[in-house]
Amino acid sequence: HPNVSQGCQGGCATCSDYNGCLSCKPRLFFVLERIGMKQIGVCLSSCPSGYYGTRYPDINKCTKCKADCDTCFNKNFCTKCKSGFYLHLGKCLENCPEGLETNNHTMECISIVHCEASEWSPWSSCMKKGKTCGFKKGTETRVREIIQHPSAKGNLCPPTSETRKCAVQRKKCQKGER
């Protein structure tokens, strides 16, 4: 039978010598802690990691998160999964859904990011061995930049430069001209 003695630890409203707190003072959360074979009631201002709090009219309770979940917001919404699981929209999954990939650093399912390249630059002048004169057939080049590097499952990046043959009216190199 509960005794509301000085024996009650901080925050308890009612308690027993054997089971600790049986009920808490207003606004505190009631948690059952296992100590060996015994369960002891404790009253806390917020729920410990791995538990979520629910406020009922007569009691505020801490409930353990689901087995695959380390920290959660409520029964159905996990915020950090146990190791070996990936977090996706509050759920802990062993594999990410189709169209998503795993981020092994944050242990979350993330969108696949494909490579993105800029538009091509204009073609360069027709050149041969670094010169723009003294030849008829040469090559011209154009380049582009990678704007977005891909994630692990994303499409690979395309080449960033292209070269094609070109022909010009042969012109003699002037003195000192390249």
N, C-alpha and C. Protein backbone atom coordinates (compact mmCIF):
# COMPACT_ATOMS: atom_id res chain seq x y z
N HIS A 1 0.85 -1.19 0.00
CA HIS A 1 0.00 0.00 0.00
C HIS A 1 0.89 1.24 0.00
N PRO A 2 0.54 2.22 -0.87
CA PRO A 2 1.39 3.41 -0.98
C PRO A 2 1.46 4.16 0.34
N ASN A 3 2.63 4.63 0.67
CA ASN A 3 2.73 5.51 1.83
C ASN A 3 3.33 6.81 1.33
N VAL A 4 2.66 7.91 1.61
CA VAL A 4 3.16 9.20 1.14
C VAL A 4 4.10 9.73 2.22
N SER A 5 5.21 9.00 2.37
CA SER A 5 6.16 9.34 3.44
C SER A 5 7.26 10.22 2.89
N GLN A 6 8.20 10.58 3.76
CA GLN A 6 9.37 11.34 3.33
C GLN A 6 10.24 10.44 2.44
N GLY A 7 9.94 9.14 2.44
CA GLY A 7 10.71 8.18 1.65
C GLY A 7 10.59 8.39 0.14
N CYS A 8 9.60 9.20 -0.29
CA CYS A 8 9.41 9.43 -1.73
C CYS A 8 10.56 10.25 -2.29
N GLN A 9 11.15 9.76 -3.37
CA GLN A 9 12.23 10.49 -4.03
C GLN A 9 11.68 11.73 -4.73
N GLY A 10 12.58 12.63 -5.12
CA GLY A 10 12.18 13.88 -5.77
C GLY A 10 11.20 13.66 -6.90
N GLY A 11 10.12 14.42 -6.90
CA GLY A 11 9.16 14.35 -8.00
C GLY A 11 8.02 13.37 -7.80
N CYS A 12 8.18 12.40 -6.88
CA CYS A 12 7.10 11.43 -6.66
C CYS A 12 5.95 12.09 -5.91
N ALA A 13 4.73 11.73 -6.28
CA ALA A 13 3.55 12.13 -5.51
C ALA A 13 3.21 11.01 -4.53
N THR A 14 3.23 9.77 -5.03
CA THR A 14 3.01 8.61 -4.15
C THR A 14 4.08 7.58 -4.48
N CYS A 15 4.44 6.78 -3.47
CA CYS A 15 5.49 5.80 -3.70
C CYS A 15 5.36 4.65 -2.73
N SER A 16 6.11 3.58 -3.02
CA SER A 16 6.21 2.47 -2.08
C SER A 16 7.68 2.16 -1.90
N ASP A 17 8.02 1.57 -0.76
CA ASP A 17 9.42 1.26 -0.49
C ASP A 17 9.97 0.29 -1.53
N TYR A 18 9.11 -0.60 -1.98
CA TYR A 18 9.59 -1.65 -2.88
C TYR A 18 9.67 -1.18 -4.34
N ASN A 19 8.65 -0.43 -4.79
CA ASN A 19 8.58 -0.07 -6.22
C ASN A 19 8.93 1.39 -6.54
N GLY A 20 9.40 2.14 -5.55
CA GLY A 20 9.73 3.53 -5.82
C GLY A 20 8.47 4.34 -6.09
N CYS A 21 8.55 5.27 -7.04
CA CYS A 21 7.40 6.13 -7.34
C CYS A 21 6.25 5.33 -7.93
N LEU A 22 5.05 5.68 -7.53
CA LEU A 22 3.85 5.09 -8.11
C LEU A 22 3.12 6.14 -8.94
N SER A 23 3.28 7.40 -8.56
CA SER A 23 2.72 8.50 -9.35
C SER A 23 3.61 9.72 -9.15
N CYS A 24 3.50 10.66 -10.09
CA CYS A 24 4.41 11.81 -10.09
C CYS A 24 3.67 13.11 -9.80
N LYS A 25 4.44 14.10 -9.40
CA LYS A 25 3.90 15.45 -9.25
C LYS A 25 3.52 15.97 -10.65
N PRO A 26 2.62 16.98 -10.70
CA PRO A 26 2.15 17.48 -12.00
C PRO A 26 3.32 17.80 -12.95
N ARG A 27 3.08 17.57 -14.23
CA ARG A 27 4.00 17.89 -15.34
C ARG A 27 5.21 16.97 -15.44
N LEU A 28 5.46 16.11 -14.44
CA LEU A 28 6.60 15.20 -14.53
C LEU A 28 6.19 13.91 -15.24
N PHE A 29 7.16 13.24 -15.84
CA PHE A 29 6.90 11.99 -16.56
C PHE A 29 7.25 10.79 -15.70
N PHE A 30 6.38 9.79 -15.74
CA PHE A 30 6.57 8.56 -14.99
C PHE A 30 7.29 7.53 -15.88
N VAL A 31 8.40 6.98 -15.36
CA VAL A 31 9.15 5.96 -16.11
C VAL A 31 9.40 4.77 -15.21
N LEU A 32 9.25 3.57 -15.77
CA LEU A 32 9.61 2.36 -15.03
C LEU A 32 11.03 1.97 -15.42
N GLU A 33 11.92 1.92 -14.46
CA GLU A 33 13.29 1.51 -14.72
C GLU A 33 13.50 0.11 -14.18
N ARG A 34 14.12 -0.74 -14.97
CA ARG A 34 14.42 -2.10 -14.54
C ARG A 34 15.73 -2.11 -13.78
N ILE A 35 15.72 -2.66 -12.59
CA ILE A 35 16.97 -2.87 -11.86
C ILE A 35 16.97 -4.34 -11.48
N GLY A 36 17.72 -5.13 -12.24
CA GLY A 36 17.69 -6.58 -12.04
C GLY A 36 16.30 -7.10 -12.32
N MET A 37 15.72 -7.81 -11.35
CA MET A 37 14.38 -8.37 -11.51
C MET A 37 13.30 -7.35 -11.15
N LYS A 38 13.72 -6.29 -10.49
CA LYS A 38 12.78 -5.33 -9.92
C LYS A 38 12.54 -4.16 -10.87
N GLN A 39 11.31 -3.64 -10.87
CA GLN A 39 11.01 -2.43 -11.63
C GLN A 39 10.76 -1.30 -10.65
N ILE A 40 11.45 -0.20 -10.86
CA ILE A 40 11.33 0.95 -9.96
C ILE A 40 10.73 2.11 -10.73
N GLY A 41 9.76 2.76 -10.14
CA GLY A 41 9.17 3.94 -10.77
C GLY A 41 10.00 5.18 -10.46
N VAL A 42 10.23 6.02 -11.48
CA VAL A 42 10.93 7.30 -11.28
C VAL A 42 10.16 8.41 -11.97
N CYS A 43 10.31 9.63 -11.46
CA CYS A 43 9.64 10.78 -12.04
C CYS A 43 10.69 11.72 -12.61
N LEU A 44 10.56 12.07 -13.89
CA LEU A 44 11.54 12.92 -14.57
C LEU A 44 10.85 14.08 -15.27
N SER A 45 11.60 15.17 -15.45
CA SER A 45 11.00 16.33 -16.12
C SER A 45 10.88 16.10 -17.63
N SER A 46 11.69 15.20 -18.18
CA SER A 46 11.53 14.82 -19.59
C SER A 46 11.95 13.36 -19.73
N CYS A 47 11.52 12.73 -20.80
CA CYS A 47 11.81 11.30 -20.97
C CYS A 47 13.25 11.07 -21.37
N PRO A 48 13.85 9.98 -20.89
CA PRO A 48 15.24 9.69 -21.26
C PRO A 48 15.34 9.30 -22.74
N SER A 49 16.56 9.32 -23.25
CA SER A 49 16.82 8.92 -24.63
C SER A 49 16.32 7.50 -24.84
N GLY A 50 15.65 7.26 -25.96
CA GLY A 50 15.11 5.93 -26.22
C GLY A 50 13.66 5.79 -25.78
N TYR A 51 13.11 6.87 -25.22
CA TYR A 51 11.70 6.89 -24.78
C TYR A 51 11.01 8.11 -25.37
N TYR A 52 9.69 8.06 -25.44
CA TYR A 52 8.93 9.25 -25.82
C TYR A 52 7.86 9.48 -24.76
N GLY A 53 7.48 10.72 -24.59
CA GLY A 53 6.51 11.07 -23.56
C GLY A 53 5.11 11.22 -24.12
N THR A 54 4.13 10.77 -23.36
CA THR A 54 2.72 10.98 -23.71
C THR A 54 2.04 11.55 -22.48
N ARG A 55 1.29 12.63 -22.67
CA ARG A 55 0.57 13.23 -21.55
C ARG A 55 -0.88 12.76 -21.57
N TYR A 56 -1.28 12.07 -20.49
CA TYR A 56 -2.66 11.62 -20.31
C TYR A 56 -3.29 12.51 -19.26
N PRO A 57 -4.65 12.50 -19.16
CA PRO A 57 -5.29 13.37 -18.14
C PRO A 57 -4.78 13.09 -16.73
N ASP A 58 -4.54 11.81 -16.39
CA ASP A 58 -4.18 11.50 -15.01
C ASP A 58 -2.69 11.22 -14.80
N ILE A 59 -1.93 11.00 -15.89
CA ILE A 59 -0.51 10.67 -15.73
C ILE A 59 0.24 11.00 -17.02
N ASN A 60 1.50 11.39 -16.88
CA ASN A 60 2.38 11.57 -18.04
C ASN A 60 3.35 10.40 -18.04
N LYS A 61 3.38 9.67 -19.14
CA LYS A 61 4.17 8.44 -19.17
C LYS A 61 5.26 8.48 -20.22
N CYS A 62 6.37 7.82 -19.91
CA CYS A 62 7.43 7.61 -20.89
C CYS A 62 7.32 6.18 -21.40
N THR A 63 7.33 6.03 -22.71
CA THR A 63 7.24 4.71 -23.33
C THR A 63 8.47 4.49 -24.19
N LYS A 64 8.99 3.26 -24.17
CA LYS A 64 10.18 2.92 -24.95
C LYS A 64 9.89 3.03 -26.45
N CYS A 65 10.88 3.54 -27.19
CA CYS A 65 10.77 3.57 -28.65
C CYS A 65 10.75 2.14 -29.18
N LYS A 66 10.35 1.98 -30.45
CA LYS A 66 10.34 0.65 -31.07
C LYS A 66 11.74 0.03 -31.03
N ALA A 67 11.79 -1.29 -31.15
CA ALA A 67 13.04 -2.04 -30.98
C ALA A 67 14.18 -1.59 -31.89
N ASP A 68 13.85 -1.18 -33.13
CA ASP A 68 14.91 -0.81 -34.08
C ASP A 68 15.28 0.68 -33.99
N CYS A 69 14.69 1.37 -32.99
CA CYS A 69 14.82 2.83 -32.91
C CYS A 69 15.56 3.27 -31.65
N ASP A 70 16.54 4.18 -31.82
CA ASP A 70 17.32 4.70 -30.69
C ASP A 70 16.65 5.87 -30.00
N THR A 71 16.19 6.84 -30.78
CA THR A 71 15.46 7.98 -30.22
C THR A 71 14.23 8.23 -31.08
N CYS A 72 13.13 8.59 -30.43
CA CYS A 72 11.91 8.80 -31.20
C CYS A 72 11.12 9.98 -30.65
N PHE A 73 10.24 10.47 -31.50
CA PHE A 73 9.39 11.62 -31.20
C PHE A 73 8.07 11.11 -30.63
N ASN A 74 7.58 10.02 -31.19
CA ASN A 74 6.41 9.32 -30.65
C ASN A 74 6.48 7.87 -31.11
N LYS A 75 5.41 7.11 -30.84
CA LYS A 75 5.42 5.68 -31.12
C LYS A 75 5.78 5.38 -32.58
N ASN A 76 5.30 6.21 -33.50
CA ASN A 76 5.46 5.90 -34.92
C ASN A 76 6.50 6.75 -35.64
N PHE A 77 7.22 7.60 -34.91
CA PHE A 77 8.18 8.47 -35.60
C PHE A 77 9.54 8.43 -34.93
N CYS A 78 10.44 7.70 -35.56
CA CYS A 78 11.80 7.57 -35.04
C CYS A 78 12.65 8.73 -35.54
N THR A 79 13.58 9.22 -34.72
CA THR A 79 14.48 10.30 -35.15
C THR A 79 15.91 9.80 -35.31
N LYS A 80 16.22 8.63 -34.71
CA LYS A 80 17.55 8.02 -34.90
C LYS A 80 17.39 6.52 -34.74
N CYS A 81 17.88 5.77 -35.73
CA CYS A 81 17.71 4.31 -35.71
C CYS A 81 18.89 3.63 -35.03
N LYS A 82 18.65 2.39 -34.60
CA LYS A 82 19.74 1.57 -34.06
C LYS A 82 20.68 1.24 -35.21
N SER A 83 21.92 0.84 -34.88
CA SER A 83 22.89 0.61 -35.94
C SER A 83 22.43 -0.52 -36.85
N GLY A 84 22.70 -0.38 -38.13
CA GLY A 84 22.26 -1.37 -39.10
C GLY A 84 20.94 -1.02 -39.76
N PHE A 85 20.30 0.06 -39.28
CA PHE A 85 19.03 0.50 -39.87
C PHE A 85 19.18 1.90 -40.44
N TYR A 86 18.43 2.16 -41.51
CA TYR A 86 18.44 3.48 -42.15
C TYR A 86 17.14 4.21 -41.83
N LEU A 87 17.25 5.49 -41.51
CA LEU A 87 16.08 6.29 -41.18
C LEU A 87 15.44 6.82 -42.45
N HIS A 88 14.13 6.64 -42.57
CA HIS A 88 13.40 7.19 -43.71
C HIS A 88 12.00 7.57 -43.27
N LEU A 89 11.71 8.87 -43.29
CA LEU A 89 10.40 9.40 -42.90
C LEU A 89 9.94 8.84 -41.55
N GLY A 90 10.86 8.83 -40.58
CA GLY A 90 10.49 8.40 -39.23
C GLY A 90 10.48 6.90 -39.01
N LYS A 91 10.77 6.13 -40.06
CA LYS A 91 10.79 4.67 -39.93
C LYS A 91 12.23 4.17 -40.04
N CYS A 92 12.50 3.03 -39.41
CA CYS A 92 13.83 2.42 -39.50
C CYS A 92 13.76 1.23 -40.44
N LEU A 93 14.57 1.28 -41.49
CA LEU A 93 14.52 0.25 -42.53
C LEU A 93 15.88 -0.41 -42.70
N GLU A 94 15.87 -1.70 -43.05
CA GLU A 94 17.14 -2.38 -43.31
C GLU A 94 17.69 -2.00 -44.67
N ASN A 95 16.78 -1.69 -45.60
CA ASN A 95 17.18 -1.23 -46.94
C ASN A 95 16.32 -0.04 -47.32
N CYS A 96 16.89 0.88 -48.07
CA CYS A 96 16.13 2.05 -48.49
C CYS A 96 15.18 1.68 -49.63
N PRO A 97 14.04 2.38 -49.70
CA PRO A 97 13.08 2.09 -50.78
C PRO A 97 13.66 2.39 -52.16
N GLU A 98 13.02 1.82 -53.18
CA GLU A 98 13.39 2.03 -54.59
C GLU A 98 13.50 3.53 -54.88
N GLY A 99 14.53 3.90 -55.61
CA GLY A 99 14.68 5.32 -55.98
C GLY A 99 15.45 6.13 -54.95
N LEU A 100 15.81 5.50 -53.82
CA LEU A 100 16.61 6.20 -52.81
C LEU A 100 17.88 5.41 -52.58
N GLU A 101 18.87 6.06 -52.01
CA GLU A 101 20.11 5.34 -51.69
C GLU A 101 20.49 5.60 -50.25
N THR A 102 21.39 4.77 -49.75
CA THR A 102 21.78 4.89 -48.35
C THR A 102 22.92 5.88 -48.19
N ASN A 103 22.83 6.71 -47.15
CA ASN A 103 23.95 7.55 -46.77
C ASN A 103 24.54 6.88 -45.53
N ASN A 104 25.70 6.24 -45.69
CA ASN A 104 26.27 5.48 -44.57
C ASN A 104 26.90 6.36 -43.52
N HIS A 105 26.97 7.66 -43.79
CA HIS A 105 27.51 8.60 -42.80
C HIS A 105 26.40 9.01 -41.83
N THR A 106 25.24 9.40 -42.37
CA THR A 106 24.12 9.82 -41.51
C THR A 106 23.16 8.67 -41.24
N MET A 107 23.35 7.52 -41.93
CA MET A 107 22.46 6.36 -41.81
C MET A 107 21.01 6.74 -42.15
N GLU A 108 20.86 7.48 -43.23
CA GLU A 108 19.53 7.86 -43.70
C GLU A 108 19.37 7.46 -45.15
N CYS A 109 18.12 7.38 -45.59
CA CYS A 109 17.83 7.16 -47.00
C CYS A 109 17.77 8.53 -47.66
N ILE A 110 18.52 8.70 -48.74
CA ILE A 110 18.55 10.01 -49.40
C ILE A 110 18.20 9.86 -50.87
N SER A 111 17.76 10.96 -51.47
CA SER A 111 17.46 10.97 -52.89
C SER A 111 18.74 10.75 -53.68
N ILE A 112 18.60 10.06 -54.79
CA ILE A 112 19.74 9.86 -55.68
C ILE A 112 19.99 11.17 -56.41
N VAL A 113 21.24 11.61 -56.42
CA VAL A 113 21.59 12.85 -57.11
C VAL A 113 22.37 12.48 -58.37
N HIS A 114 21.89 12.98 -59.52
CA HIS A 114 22.57 12.71 -60.78
C HIS A 114 23.55 13.83 -61.08
N CYS A 115 24.55 13.51 -61.90
CA CYS A 115 25.53 14.52 -62.29
C CYS A 115 24.86 15.57 -63.17
N GLU A 116 25.26 16.82 -62.98
CA GLU A 116 24.78 17.89 -63.85
C GLU A 116 25.98 18.66 -64.37
N ALA A 117 25.98 18.89 -65.68
CA ALA A 117 27.07 19.66 -66.29
C ALA A 117 26.51 20.95 -66.87
N SER A 118 27.37 21.97 -66.97
CA SER A 118 26.94 23.25 -67.54
C SER A 118 26.80 23.11 -69.06
N GLU A 119 26.32 24.17 -69.69
CA GLU A 119 26.29 24.21 -71.15
C GLU A 119 27.73 24.24 -71.66
N TRP A 120 27.92 23.84 -72.92
CA TRP A 120 29.25 23.89 -73.53
C TRP A 120 29.67 25.34 -73.72
N SER A 121 30.98 25.58 -73.62
CA SER A 121 31.52 26.91 -73.97
C SER A 121 31.52 27.01 -75.49
N PRO A 122 31.72 28.21 -76.04
CA PRO A 122 31.90 28.29 -77.50
C PRO A 122 33.16 27.51 -77.90
N TRP A 123 33.25 27.11 -79.16
CA TRP A 123 34.45 26.42 -79.64
C TRP A 123 35.62 27.40 -79.60
N SER A 124 36.81 26.89 -79.31
CA SER A 124 38.02 27.73 -79.32
C SER A 124 38.40 28.03 -80.77
N SER A 125 39.41 28.87 -80.94
CA SER A 125 39.94 29.11 -82.29
C SER A 125 40.55 27.81 -82.79
N CYS A 126 40.65 27.71 -84.11
CA CYS A 126 41.30 26.54 -84.72
C CYS A 126 42.80 26.66 -84.46
N MET A 127 43.37 25.62 -83.88
CA MET A 127 44.78 25.68 -83.49
C MET A 127 45.51 24.41 -83.88
N LYS A 128 46.84 24.54 -83.95
CA LYS A 128 47.69 23.37 -84.16
C LYS A 128 48.96 23.59 -83.36
N LYS A 129 49.27 22.64 -82.48
CA LYS A 129 50.45 22.74 -81.62
C LYS A 129 50.50 24.09 -80.92
N GLY A 130 49.34 24.54 -80.46
CA GLY A 130 49.29 25.79 -79.70
C GLY A 130 49.39 27.06 -80.54
N LYS A 131 49.39 26.92 -81.88
CA LYS A 131 49.48 28.12 -82.74
C LYS A 131 48.19 28.30 -83.52
N THR A 132 47.91 29.55 -83.91
CA THR A 132 46.72 29.83 -84.71
C THR A 132 47.10 30.18 -86.15
N CYS A 133 48.37 29.97 -86.52
CA CYS A 133 48.80 30.29 -87.87
C CYS A 133 49.78 29.24 -88.37
N GLY A 134 50.05 29.26 -89.68
CA GLY A 134 51.05 28.36 -90.24
C GLY A 134 50.57 26.95 -90.49
N PHE A 135 49.24 26.74 -90.56
CA PHE A 135 48.72 25.40 -90.85
C PHE A 135 47.36 25.54 -91.53
N LYS A 136 46.88 24.43 -92.10
CA LYS A 136 45.57 24.43 -92.74
C LYS A 136 44.58 23.62 -91.90
N LYS A 137 45.03 22.45 -91.41
CA LYS A 137 44.14 21.60 -90.61
C LYS A 137 44.59 21.61 -89.15
N GLY A 138 43.64 21.86 -88.26
CA GLY A 138 43.96 21.88 -86.84
C GLY A 138 42.80 21.32 -86.04
N THR A 139 42.74 21.68 -84.77
CA THR A 139 41.62 21.24 -83.93
C THR A 139 41.10 22.43 -83.13
N GLU A 140 39.82 22.32 -82.77
CA GLU A 140 39.23 23.32 -81.87
C GLU A 140 38.59 22.56 -80.71
N THR A 141 38.50 23.22 -79.59
CA THR A 141 38.05 22.57 -78.36
C THR A 141 36.95 23.39 -77.70
N ARG A 142 36.07 22.69 -77.00
CA ARG A 142 35.11 23.39 -76.14
C ARG A 142 35.04 22.65 -74.81
N VAL A 143 34.65 23.36 -73.77
CA VAL A 143 34.65 22.77 -72.43
C VAL A 143 33.33 23.07 -71.70
N ARG A 144 33.09 22.31 -70.65
CA ARG A 144 31.95 22.58 -69.76
C ARG A 144 32.34 22.18 -68.35
N GLU A 145 31.57 22.67 -67.37
CA GLU A 145 31.90 22.41 -65.98
C GLU A 145 30.88 21.48 -65.35
N ILE A 146 31.31 20.80 -64.29
CA ILE A 146 30.38 19.97 -63.52
C ILE A 146 29.76 20.88 -62.46
N ILE A 147 28.43 21.01 -62.52
CA ILE A 147 27.72 21.86 -61.56
C ILE A 147 27.37 21.05 -60.32
N GLN A 148 26.98 19.78 -60.55
CA GLN A 148 26.54 18.93 -59.44
C GLN A 148 27.19 17.57 -59.57
N HIS A 149 27.98 17.19 -58.57
CA HIS A 149 28.58 15.85 -58.59
C HIS A 149 27.53 14.84 -58.14
N PRO A 150 27.55 13.62 -58.71
CA PRO A 150 26.51 12.64 -58.40
C PRO A 150 26.72 11.96 -57.05
N SER A 151 25.62 11.44 -56.50
CA SER A 151 25.73 10.61 -55.30
C SER A 151 26.08 9.19 -55.78
N ALA A 152 26.25 8.26 -54.84
CA ALA A 152 26.74 6.91 -55.15
C ALA A 152 25.99 6.22 -56.30
N LYS A 153 24.66 6.34 -56.31
CA LYS A 153 23.88 5.65 -57.34
C LYS A 153 23.50 6.57 -58.50
N GLY A 154 23.96 7.82 -58.46
CA GLY A 154 23.60 8.78 -59.50
C GLY A 154 24.31 8.50 -60.81
N ASN A 155 23.80 9.11 -61.89
CA ASN A 155 24.44 8.97 -63.19
C ASN A 155 25.82 9.61 -63.15
N LEU A 156 26.77 8.97 -63.80
CA LEU A 156 28.14 9.49 -63.83
C LEU A 156 28.20 10.76 -64.66
N CYS A 157 29.27 11.52 -64.45
CA CYS A 157 29.43 12.78 -65.17
C CYS A 157 29.92 12.54 -66.59
N PRO A 158 29.44 13.36 -67.54
CA PRO A 158 29.89 13.25 -68.93
C PRO A 158 31.27 13.89 -69.07
N PRO A 159 31.93 13.70 -70.23
CA PRO A 159 33.23 14.36 -70.43
C PRO A 159 33.09 15.88 -70.34
N THR A 160 34.15 16.53 -69.88
CA THR A 160 34.08 17.99 -69.70
C THR A 160 34.80 18.74 -70.82
N SER A 161 35.35 18.00 -71.80
CA SER A 161 35.90 18.72 -72.95
C SER A 161 35.71 17.89 -74.21
N GLU A 162 35.61 18.58 -75.33
CA GLU A 162 35.39 17.94 -76.63
C GLU A 162 36.32 18.62 -77.63
N THR A 163 36.87 17.83 -78.52
CA THR A 163 37.76 18.38 -79.54
C THR A 163 37.28 17.90 -80.90
N ARG A 164 37.34 18.78 -81.89
CA ARG A 164 37.01 18.34 -83.25
C ARG A 164 38.01 18.96 -84.23
N LYS A 165 38.10 18.31 -85.40
CA LYS A 165 39.02 18.81 -86.43
C LYS A 165 38.44 20.07 -87.06
N CYS A 166 39.35 20.93 -87.49
CA CYS A 166 38.90 22.13 -88.19
C CYS A 166 39.91 22.46 -89.28
N ALA A 167 39.48 23.20 -90.26
CA ALA A 167 40.39 23.60 -91.34
C ALA A 167 40.29 25.11 -91.50
N VAL A 168 41.41 25.73 -91.76
CA VAL A 168 41.41 27.18 -91.95
C VAL A 168 42.19 27.52 -93.22
N GLN A 169 41.96 28.73 -93.66
CA GLN A 169 42.76 29.28 -94.74
C GLN A 169 44.17 29.39 -94.17
N ARG A 170 45.13 28.72 -94.84
CA ARG A 170 46.49 28.78 -94.30
C ARG A 170 46.97 30.22 -94.31
N LYS A 171 47.48 30.66 -93.14
CA LYS A 171 48.09 31.99 -93.13
C LYS A 171 49.46 31.89 -92.50
N LYS A 172 50.37 32.65 -93.07
CA LYS A 172 51.74 32.62 -92.57
C LYS A 172 51.79 33.23 -91.18
N CYS A 173 52.70 32.71 -90.35
CA CYS A 173 52.87 33.31 -89.03
C CYS A 173 53.68 34.59 -89.19
N GLN A 174 53.17 35.67 -88.62
CA GLN A 174 53.94 36.92 -88.61
C GLN A 174 55.02 36.77 -87.56
N LYS A 175 56.00 37.65 -87.63
CA LYS A 175 57.12 37.60 -86.68
C LYS A 175 56.57 37.67 -85.25
N GLY A 176 56.93 36.70 -84.42
CA GLY A 176 56.51 36.72 -83.01
C GLY A 176 55.06 36.32 -82.79
N GLU A 177 54.35 35.94 -83.86
CA GLU A 177 52.94 35.57 -83.70
C GLU A 177 52.82 34.09 -83.34
N ARG A 178 51.83 33.77 -82.50
CA ARG A 178 51.58 32.37 -82.15
C ARG A 178 50.49 31.81 -83.04
